Protein backbone atom coordinates (compact mmCIF):
# COMPACT_ATOMS: atom_id res chain seq x y z
CA MET A 1 182.89 107.36 144.33
CA GLY A 2 180.75 110.21 145.68
CA ARG A 3 177.08 109.81 146.37
CA VAL A 4 174.78 110.88 143.53
CA LYS A 5 172.71 113.89 144.50
CA THR A 6 169.06 113.84 143.46
CA LEU A 7 166.32 116.43 143.42
CA PHE A 8 162.68 116.57 142.39
CA VAL A 9 161.40 118.55 139.39
CA CYS A 10 157.79 119.55 138.67
CA ARG A 11 156.80 118.33 135.22
CA GLU A 12 154.25 121.15 134.89
CA CYS A 13 156.35 124.23 135.65
CA GLY A 14 159.92 122.87 135.99
CA ALA A 15 160.40 124.05 139.59
CA ARG A 16 163.08 122.17 141.58
CA PHE A 17 162.81 120.91 145.18
CA PRO A 18 165.27 119.05 147.43
CA LYS A 19 162.64 116.50 148.51
CA TRP A 20 159.41 115.04 147.24
CA ALA A 21 156.03 116.56 148.10
CA GLY A 22 152.52 115.81 146.97
CA GLN A 23 151.94 119.35 145.70
CA CYS A 24 154.25 121.68 143.79
CA GLY A 25 154.91 124.77 145.86
CA ASP A 26 155.25 127.00 142.78
CA CYS A 27 152.33 126.11 140.47
CA GLY A 28 150.13 124.21 142.95
CA ALA A 29 149.80 121.09 140.77
CA TRP A 30 149.39 117.75 142.56
CA ASN A 31 151.54 114.62 142.04
CA THR A 32 153.80 116.27 139.45
CA LEU A 33 157.21 116.04 141.19
CA GLU A 34 159.58 113.57 139.53
CA GLU A 35 163.03 112.49 140.65
CA ALA A 36 166.02 113.75 138.66
CA VAL A 37 169.78 113.68 139.05
CA ALA A 38 171.36 117.01 139.96
CA THR A 39 174.31 117.93 137.72
CA ARG A 40 176.62 120.89 137.54
CA GLN A 41 175.49 123.17 134.75
CA GLY A 42 176.11 126.66 133.60
CA PRO A 43 173.72 129.43 134.48
CA ALA A 44 170.22 129.26 133.06
CA ALA A 45 170.95 132.23 130.84
CA SER A 46 173.54 130.21 128.90
CA ARG A 47 171.34 127.14 128.52
CA PHE A 48 168.33 129.13 127.39
CA ALA A 49 170.19 131.74 125.41
CA GLY A 50 168.26 134.19 123.28
CA TYR A 51 167.30 133.34 119.74
CA ALA A 52 169.80 135.85 118.37
CA GLY A 53 172.49 133.23 119.05
CA GLU A 54 175.20 132.72 121.65
CA GLY A 55 177.59 135.62 121.90
CA ALA A 56 175.29 138.05 120.09
CA ALA A 57 175.43 141.51 121.60
CA ALA A 58 172.13 142.72 123.03
CA ALA A 59 171.11 146.35 122.61
CA ILE A 60 168.09 148.43 123.59
CA GLN A 61 166.45 150.08 120.60
CA PRO A 62 163.11 151.71 119.75
CA LEU A 63 160.53 149.29 118.41
CA SER A 64 159.76 151.68 115.54
CA ARG A 65 163.29 151.16 114.16
CA VAL A 66 163.07 147.38 114.05
CA ALA A 67 162.71 146.17 110.47
CA ALA A 68 159.85 143.66 110.47
CA GLY A 69 159.48 142.08 107.07
CA GLU A 70 156.63 139.84 105.99
CA ALA A 71 157.18 136.26 107.12
CA GLU A 72 157.91 134.10 104.07
CA ARG A 73 155.85 130.93 104.10
CA VAL A 74 156.50 127.62 102.41
CA ALA A 75 153.61 125.35 101.43
CA SER A 76 153.87 121.90 103.00
CA GLY A 77 151.99 120.17 100.18
CA LEU A 78 149.03 119.53 102.51
CA PRO A 79 146.64 122.53 102.34
CA GLU A 80 144.78 121.40 105.47
CA LEU A 81 148.04 121.43 107.44
CA ASP A 82 148.95 124.82 105.95
CA ARG A 83 145.59 126.19 107.10
CA VAL A 84 146.30 125.19 110.69
CA LEU A 85 149.84 126.61 110.51
CA GLY A 86 148.47 129.96 109.34
CA GLY A 87 149.30 129.65 105.65
CA GLY A 88 152.42 127.48 105.58
CA LEU A 89 155.77 126.96 107.26
CA VAL A 90 157.73 129.99 108.46
CA GLN A 91 161.52 129.92 108.31
CA GLY A 92 162.98 129.16 111.74
CA SER A 93 159.62 128.28 113.29
CA VAL A 94 159.24 125.44 115.81
CA VAL A 95 156.00 123.43 115.73
CA LEU A 96 155.03 121.00 118.50
CA ILE A 97 152.43 118.40 117.50
CA GLY A 98 150.89 115.99 120.00
CA GLY A 99 148.28 113.27 119.92
CA ASP A 100 147.32 109.82 121.15
CA PRO A 101 149.47 106.83 120.15
CA GLY A 102 148.58 105.56 116.69
CA VAL A 103 146.50 108.59 115.71
CA GLY A 104 148.79 109.31 112.72
CA LYS A 105 151.32 111.96 113.81
CA SER A 106 154.27 110.24 112.13
CA THR A 107 152.20 109.49 109.03
CA LEU A 108 151.16 113.13 108.67
CA LEU A 109 154.69 114.47 109.08
CA ILE A 110 156.39 112.00 106.76
CA GLN A 111 153.79 112.82 104.09
CA ALA A 112 154.45 116.55 104.51
CA LEU A 113 158.22 116.03 104.60
CA ALA A 114 158.20 113.87 101.46
CA SER A 115 156.32 116.62 99.63
CA LEU A 116 158.67 119.33 100.90
CA SER A 117 161.78 117.31 100.01
CA GLU A 118 161.05 117.75 96.30
CA SER A 119 161.91 121.45 96.57
CA LEU A 120 163.76 121.81 99.91
CA SER A 121 166.35 119.87 101.87
CA ALA A 122 164.39 117.85 104.43
CA LEU A 123 165.51 115.57 107.27
CA TYR A 124 163.49 113.09 109.32
CA VAL A 125 165.09 112.24 112.69
CA SER A 126 163.56 109.28 114.52
CA GLY A 127 164.30 108.18 118.05
CA GLU A 128 161.51 105.60 118.23
CA GLU A 129 161.57 103.64 114.96
CA SER A 130 164.34 102.02 112.96
CA ALA A 131 165.25 103.11 109.46
CA GLU A 132 163.69 99.93 108.06
CA GLN A 133 160.33 100.65 109.73
CA ILE A 134 160.23 104.18 108.34
CA ALA A 135 161.18 102.94 104.87
CA LEU A 136 158.40 100.35 104.96
CA ARG A 137 155.84 103.01 105.91
CA ALA A 138 157.00 105.36 103.15
CA ARG A 139 156.81 102.53 100.62
CA ARG A 140 153.30 101.58 101.80
CA LEU A 141 152.18 105.20 101.44
CA GLU A 142 153.83 105.41 97.98
CA LEU A 143 155.73 108.58 98.88
CA PRO A 144 158.55 110.15 96.85
CA THR A 145 161.59 109.53 99.06
CA GLU A 146 164.51 110.02 96.66
CA ARG A 147 165.54 113.33 98.25
CA LEU A 148 164.23 112.76 101.78
CA GLN A 149 167.08 112.34 104.28
CA LEU A 150 166.75 110.02 107.31
CA LEU A 151 168.60 109.82 110.63
CA THR A 152 168.02 107.43 113.54
CA GLU A 153 169.70 108.89 116.63
CA THR A 154 168.67 109.90 120.16
CA CYS A 155 171.58 112.04 121.38
CA VAL A 156 170.87 115.73 120.76
CA GLU A 157 174.55 116.71 120.61
CA ARG A 158 175.33 114.12 117.94
CA ILE A 159 172.23 115.11 115.96
CA LEU A 160 173.16 118.80 116.00
CA ALA A 161 176.75 117.99 115.01
CA LEU A 162 175.49 116.12 111.94
CA VAL A 163 172.85 118.63 110.85
CA GLU A 164 175.25 121.55 111.35
CA LYS A 165 176.99 120.50 108.14
CA ARG A 166 173.88 119.88 106.03
CA ARG A 167 171.66 122.67 107.42
CA PRO A 168 168.28 121.22 106.28
CA ARG A 169 165.46 123.67 105.63
CA VAL A 170 162.87 121.43 107.32
CA MET A 171 163.46 118.87 110.07
CA VAL A 172 161.21 116.50 112.05
CA MET A 173 162.15 115.19 115.52
CA ASP A 174 160.06 112.11 116.37
CA SER A 175 159.58 112.24 119.31
CA ILE A 176 160.97 114.73 121.82
CA GLN A 177 160.52 112.29 124.74
CA THR A 178 163.07 109.88 123.24
CA PHE A 179 165.97 112.33 122.86
CA TYR A 180 168.52 113.13 125.54
CA SER A 181 171.38 115.53 126.19
CA GLU A 182 174.79 114.34 127.38
CA ALA A 183 174.92 117.35 129.71
CA LEU A 184 172.38 115.62 131.98
CA SER A 185 172.55 112.21 133.59
CA SER A 186 168.78 111.71 133.95
CA ALA A 187 166.90 109.25 131.74
CA PRO A 188 165.35 110.26 128.39
CA GLY A 189 161.77 111.44 128.82
CA SER A 190 162.36 113.02 132.23
CA VAL A 191 161.38 116.63 132.82
CA SER A 192 164.95 117.92 132.75
CA GLN A 193 165.88 115.98 129.61
CA VAL A 194 162.80 117.08 127.66
CA ARG A 195 163.35 120.69 128.64
CA GLU A 196 167.08 120.71 127.87
CA SER A 197 166.72 118.81 124.57
CA ALA A 198 163.93 121.10 123.40
CA ALA A 199 165.93 124.21 124.38
CA ARG A 200 168.95 123.11 122.31
CA LEU A 201 166.80 122.23 119.30
CA VAL A 202 164.82 125.48 119.46
CA ARG A 203 168.03 127.49 119.67
CA PHE A 204 169.43 125.64 116.62
CA ALA A 205 166.23 126.30 114.63
CA LYS A 206 166.31 130.03 115.39
CA GLU A 207 170.00 130.39 114.58
CA SER A 208 169.98 128.33 111.40
CA GLY A 209 166.53 129.24 110.04
CA THR A 210 165.48 125.57 109.94
CA SER A 211 161.75 124.91 110.26
CA LEU A 212 161.42 122.30 113.00
CA PHE A 213 158.64 119.87 113.90
CA LEU A 214 158.68 118.28 117.36
CA VAL A 215 156.44 115.28 118.00
CA GLY A 216 155.20 115.03 121.60
CA HIS A 217 153.44 112.38 123.64
CA VAL A 218 150.19 113.09 125.48
CA THR A 219 149.08 112.10 128.97
CA LYS A 220 145.95 110.12 129.81
CA GLU A 221 144.18 113.46 130.38
CA GLY A 222 144.92 114.41 126.75
CA ALA A 223 147.51 117.12 127.53
CA LEU A 224 151.02 117.20 126.13
CA ALA A 225 153.42 115.23 128.30
CA GLY A 226 156.53 116.82 129.74
CA PRO A 227 157.09 120.18 131.42
CA ARG A 228 154.56 122.92 130.75
CA VAL A 229 157.40 125.19 129.71
CA LEU A 230 157.76 123.07 126.55
CA GLU A 231 154.64 124.67 125.06
CA HIS A 232 155.97 128.16 125.85
CA MET A 233 159.29 127.50 124.10
CA VAL A 234 157.80 126.64 120.70
CA ASP A 235 156.01 128.90 118.21
CA THR A 236 153.05 126.67 117.37
CA VAL A 237 151.25 123.91 119.28
CA LEU A 238 149.05 121.48 117.33
CA TYR A 239 146.84 118.71 118.69
CA PHE A 240 146.12 115.72 116.47
CA GLU A 241 142.76 114.22 117.45
CA GLY A 242 140.79 111.19 116.33
CA GLU A 243 137.99 109.07 117.72
CA ALA A 244 138.63 105.35 118.19
CA GLY A 245 137.20 103.41 115.25
CA SER A 246 136.70 106.55 113.13
CA GLN A 247 138.62 107.48 109.99
CA ILE A 248 138.31 111.22 110.66
CA ARG A 249 141.40 112.97 112.04
CA LEU A 250 141.39 116.59 113.22
CA VAL A 251 144.42 118.85 113.57
CA ARG A 252 143.71 121.78 115.88
CA ALA A 253 145.95 124.79 116.56
CA ILE A 254 146.11 125.71 120.26
CA LYS A 255 148.93 128.25 119.98
CA ASN A 256 150.31 129.97 116.90
CA ARG A 257 152.66 132.96 116.83
CA PHE A 258 152.31 133.23 113.06
CA GLY A 259 148.57 132.80 112.57
CA ALA A 260 145.14 132.43 114.12
CA VAL A 261 144.49 129.87 116.84
CA ASN A 262 141.60 127.38 116.90
CA GLU A 263 142.04 126.67 113.20
CA LEU A 264 140.96 123.18 112.21
CA GLY A 265 142.39 120.83 109.61
CA VAL A 266 140.38 117.75 108.64
CA PHE A 267 141.87 114.51 107.32
CA ALA A 268 140.62 111.00 106.62
CA MET A 269 142.85 108.03 107.45
CA THR A 270 143.10 105.50 104.60
CA ASP A 271 145.38 102.59 103.70
CA LYS A 272 147.42 105.07 101.63
CA GLY A 273 147.86 107.55 104.46
CA LEU A 274 146.00 110.71 105.38
CA LYS A 275 143.73 112.22 102.73
CA GLN A 276 142.60 115.81 103.01
CA VAL A 277 138.92 116.64 103.46
CA SER A 278 138.26 119.91 101.65
CA ASN A 279 134.53 119.97 102.51
CA PRO A 280 134.26 118.66 106.10
CA SER A 281 130.63 119.79 106.51
CA ALA A 282 129.57 117.02 104.12
CA ILE A 283 131.14 114.44 106.48
CA PHE A 284 129.84 115.83 109.77
CA LEU A 285 126.27 116.06 108.46
CA SER A 286 124.34 112.79 108.75
CA ARG A 287 121.99 112.53 105.81
CA HIS A 288 118.91 110.85 107.26
CA GLN A 289 116.26 109.37 104.99
CA GLY A 290 113.71 111.69 106.57
CA ALA A 291 113.23 114.07 109.46
CA VAL A 292 114.47 112.57 112.77
CA ALA A 293 113.52 113.69 116.26
CA GLY A 294 116.40 114.86 118.46
CA SER A 295 118.58 116.17 115.62
CA ALA A 296 119.55 119.78 114.94
CA ILE A 297 122.10 121.29 112.53
CA LEU A 298 124.58 123.74 114.03
CA VAL A 299 126.55 126.27 111.96
CA THR A 300 129.75 126.60 114.00
CA ARG A 301 133.03 128.28 113.24
CA GLU A 302 136.53 126.85 113.66
CA GLY A 303 139.11 129.60 113.19
CA THR A 304 138.33 131.18 109.83
CA ARG A 305 136.22 128.27 108.58
CA PRO A 306 132.42 127.99 109.01
CA LEU A 307 131.41 124.39 109.60
CA LEU A 308 128.09 122.55 109.69
CA VAL A 309 127.76 119.75 112.23
CA GLU A 310 124.85 117.71 113.52
CA VAL A 311 123.93 117.86 117.19
CA GLN A 312 121.97 114.83 118.43
CA ALA A 313 120.05 114.62 121.69
CA LEU A 314 118.33 111.75 123.47
CA VAL A 315 115.93 112.51 126.31
CA ASP A 316 114.52 109.59 128.28
CA GLN A 317 112.70 109.03 131.56
CA SER A 318 115.27 108.65 134.33
CA PRO A 319 115.06 105.80 136.86
CA LEU A 320 117.56 107.62 139.10
CA GLY A 321 117.08 110.25 141.75
CA ASN A 322 119.66 112.43 140.03
CA PRO A 323 119.09 112.34 136.26
CA ARG A 324 122.20 111.99 134.11
CA ARG A 325 123.62 114.78 131.95
CA VAL A 326 126.08 113.40 129.40
CA ALA A 327 127.64 115.57 126.68
CA LEU A 328 130.15 114.37 124.07
CA GLY A 329 131.78 117.15 122.09
CA LEU A 330 130.22 119.88 124.24
CA GLU A 331 130.79 121.18 127.75
CA GLN A 332 128.72 119.23 130.26
CA ASN A 333 128.32 122.11 132.73
CA ARG A 334 126.94 124.33 129.97
CA LEU A 335 124.38 121.65 129.10
CA ALA A 336 123.11 121.70 132.70
CA MET A 337 122.87 125.50 132.59
CA LEU A 338 120.97 125.46 129.28
CA LEU A 339 118.47 122.95 130.67
CA ALA A 340 117.82 125.32 133.57
CA VAL A 341 117.23 128.18 131.10
CA LEU A 342 114.87 125.94 129.12
CA HIS A 343 112.85 125.26 132.28
CA ARG A 344 112.76 128.88 133.44
CA HIS A 345 112.16 130.67 130.12
CA GLY A 346 110.79 127.89 127.91
CA GLY A 347 108.45 126.26 130.37
CA VAL A 348 109.86 122.76 129.80
CA GLY A 349 111.38 120.91 132.77
CA MET A 350 113.94 118.11 132.45
CA TYR A 351 114.35 117.43 136.18
CA ASP A 352 113.17 113.79 135.82
CA GLN A 353 114.78 113.08 132.42
CA ASP A 354 118.18 111.72 131.41
CA VAL A 355 119.70 113.94 128.73
CA PHE A 356 122.41 112.60 126.39
CA LEU A 357 124.05 114.89 123.86
CA ASN A 358 126.49 114.10 121.04
CA VAL A 359 128.19 116.02 118.24
CA VAL A 360 128.41 113.80 115.15
CA GLY A 361 131.87 113.03 113.80
CA GLY A 362 133.85 113.54 117.00
CA VAL A 363 134.07 117.34 116.64
CA ARG A 364 134.54 119.29 119.87
CA VAL A 365 132.48 122.50 119.85
CA THR A 366 133.57 125.14 122.36
CA GLU A 367 131.79 128.27 121.16
CA THR A 368 128.46 129.51 122.55
CA ALA A 369 126.78 129.50 119.11
CA ALA A 370 125.81 125.88 119.86
CA ASP A 371 123.39 126.91 122.65
CA LEU A 372 120.29 127.34 120.49
CA PRO A 373 120.75 124.13 118.39
CA VAL A 374 121.37 122.16 121.60
CA LEU A 375 118.08 123.27 123.14
CA LEU A 376 116.21 122.64 119.88
CA ALA A 377 117.61 119.10 119.69
CA VAL A 378 116.77 118.42 123.35
CA LEU A 379 113.20 119.67 123.00
CA SER A 380 112.76 117.78 119.71
CA SER A 381 113.76 114.51 121.40
CA PHE A 382 111.65 115.23 124.48
CA ARG A 383 108.50 115.82 122.42
CA ASP A 384 109.45 113.22 119.79
CA ARG A 385 108.83 115.79 117.08
CA PRO A 386 111.50 116.41 114.42
CA LEU A 387 112.49 119.93 113.47
CA PRO A 388 111.37 121.21 110.05
CA GLU A 389 113.47 119.60 107.35
CA GLY A 390 116.19 121.76 105.79
CA THR A 391 116.61 123.94 108.87
CA ALA A 392 119.87 125.01 110.55
CA ALA A 393 120.45 127.22 113.59
CA PHE A 394 123.03 129.07 115.66
CA GLY A 395 122.94 131.53 118.55
CA GLU A 396 123.98 132.03 122.16
CA VAL A 397 121.30 131.70 124.85
CA GLY A 398 121.61 134.02 127.85
CA LEU A 399 120.48 133.27 131.39
CA ALA A 400 117.65 135.79 130.97
CA GLY A 401 116.30 133.80 128.01
CA GLU A 402 117.57 136.21 125.34
CA ILE A 403 119.18 135.05 122.10
CA ARG A 404 122.54 136.81 121.85
CA PRO A 405 124.51 137.39 118.62
CA VAL A 406 127.71 135.55 117.71
CA PRO A 407 130.59 136.59 115.39
CA SER A 408 130.48 136.14 111.60
CA GLY A 409 126.73 135.63 111.31
CA GLU A 410 126.49 136.31 107.58
CA GLU A 411 129.28 133.83 106.76
CA ARG A 412 127.40 131.14 108.68
CA VAL A 413 124.21 131.86 106.73
CA ARG A 414 126.07 131.58 103.41
CA GLU A 415 127.65 128.29 104.48
CA ALA A 416 124.22 126.84 105.30
CA ALA A 417 122.83 128.03 101.97
CA LYS A 418 125.78 126.45 100.13
CA HIS A 419 124.84 123.06 101.55
CA GLY A 420 121.19 123.28 100.51
CA PHE A 421 119.48 124.41 103.72
CA ARG A 422 116.32 126.41 103.12
CA ARG A 423 115.80 128.02 106.55
CA ILE A 424 118.10 129.16 109.33
CA LEU A 425 117.18 130.26 112.85
CA LEU A 426 119.54 132.96 114.10
CA PRO A 427 119.79 135.86 116.58
CA ALA A 428 118.02 139.01 115.43
CA ALA A 429 121.28 140.97 115.63
CA ASN A 430 122.91 138.51 113.18
CA LYS A 431 120.30 138.91 110.45
CA PRO A 432 122.09 139.59 107.14
CA ARG A 433 121.68 143.09 105.74
CA ARG A 434 120.98 141.60 102.34
CA ALA A 435 118.98 138.47 101.74
CA VAL A 436 121.09 135.37 100.97
CA LYS A 437 119.80 133.58 97.89
CA GLY A 438 118.19 130.22 98.54
CA ILE A 439 117.72 130.46 102.30
CA GLU A 440 115.20 132.16 104.60
CA ALA A 441 116.67 133.82 107.68
CA ILE A 442 114.40 133.63 110.76
CA PRO A 443 115.58 136.16 113.38
CA VAL A 444 114.57 135.61 117.01
CA LYS A 445 115.18 137.64 120.17
CA ARG A 446 113.92 135.31 122.92
CA LEU A 447 114.18 131.59 123.59
CA SER A 448 110.39 131.28 123.87
CA GLU A 449 110.05 132.83 120.40
CA ALA A 450 112.62 130.41 118.93
CA LEU A 451 110.88 127.37 120.41
CA ARG A 452 107.52 128.56 119.13
CA ARG A 453 108.83 129.12 115.59
CA MET A 454 110.48 125.69 115.39
CA MET A 455 108.05 123.51 117.35
CA GLU A 456 104.73 125.03 116.37
């Protein structure tokens, strides 16, 4: 029997090398080469054939002559999931959803699939759980399962042979790391198996028009496991997030070919499954009995949705030579930069103070509109003086101490007014053209002016 030939494949970019190395020579990533068995395969063009289908004749044509109809969307039965998907499921789309173990990926998808099965043919394919386990979960969640089809199989070729006859409209593959292709001899979950299995499933979805959900594992760094090319092959990438010990679950769109990215869906985990949160601002706002020092209300924006969250800061005398800067839900490097701006243009130094920052509810805020509320919360904690009650804020702070405008200022003001806030501090360029009923807009141009208006 001949000797088995092995090679090493980068799990980030899929590059192949004859021997192991600490760094990938193609993408530069460290410690990403994994051993795989080399097998004789057809050319890459045949394995990753175009979405028009194998054997379809390709032709060059002007883009203006291509008939592009409006994508028909199907509601999943979960409006928060539809929001993240861009309005619903698109025929032939492939959605990759990843998250930590136990966060609720399977629960979310079986709820959506049970709702869809009442009007469409739906199939749940599991490579991790037995049919009995899935049935017990569906019974616990009290889901309608009369028309929901189930398959427990891990071989991609056998799965495709079975679904070729039924042609379901919606299909879930849970999870992509457990499936394997008989064309490869490597173990399930390896880079080559994940890539080949995903390629076959994506090609089937495009040819048949089946809407496909792929469940993916995540690494300890929080990124989707497997080759990086996996995210490029699918149409939509969703991350399912949740803090340990919290009932709140967030679904965030990172990539979406059929809608806006950075949309946010909010759910609450209960004993009957995931419940939708239609008004997430009410959850992320901590209703204190009175005014509390170190707390500021930020009007942020996730995709098309304005959102109110509470930013809390704790400033304390540091016993260390290098004071600590800890930020949860915000970028730590930006916190250090904002503290330098506060010292230079606000006249308040934090060089001997530990600064701890937290966004209530486990929300991760990435936009610069959080700059002004962060500095207000920090200064409020430092001086032990609460901000005026019923006040919200948003605005980017520049290195020169100016307050810069952010997108959708008027929508943020209306969202704050809807939740009963009486005053809002905002960049002068974001002042609404018409007064918003029930709230006073306070425009500011400089950081020193903002601090004086709030802390006077």
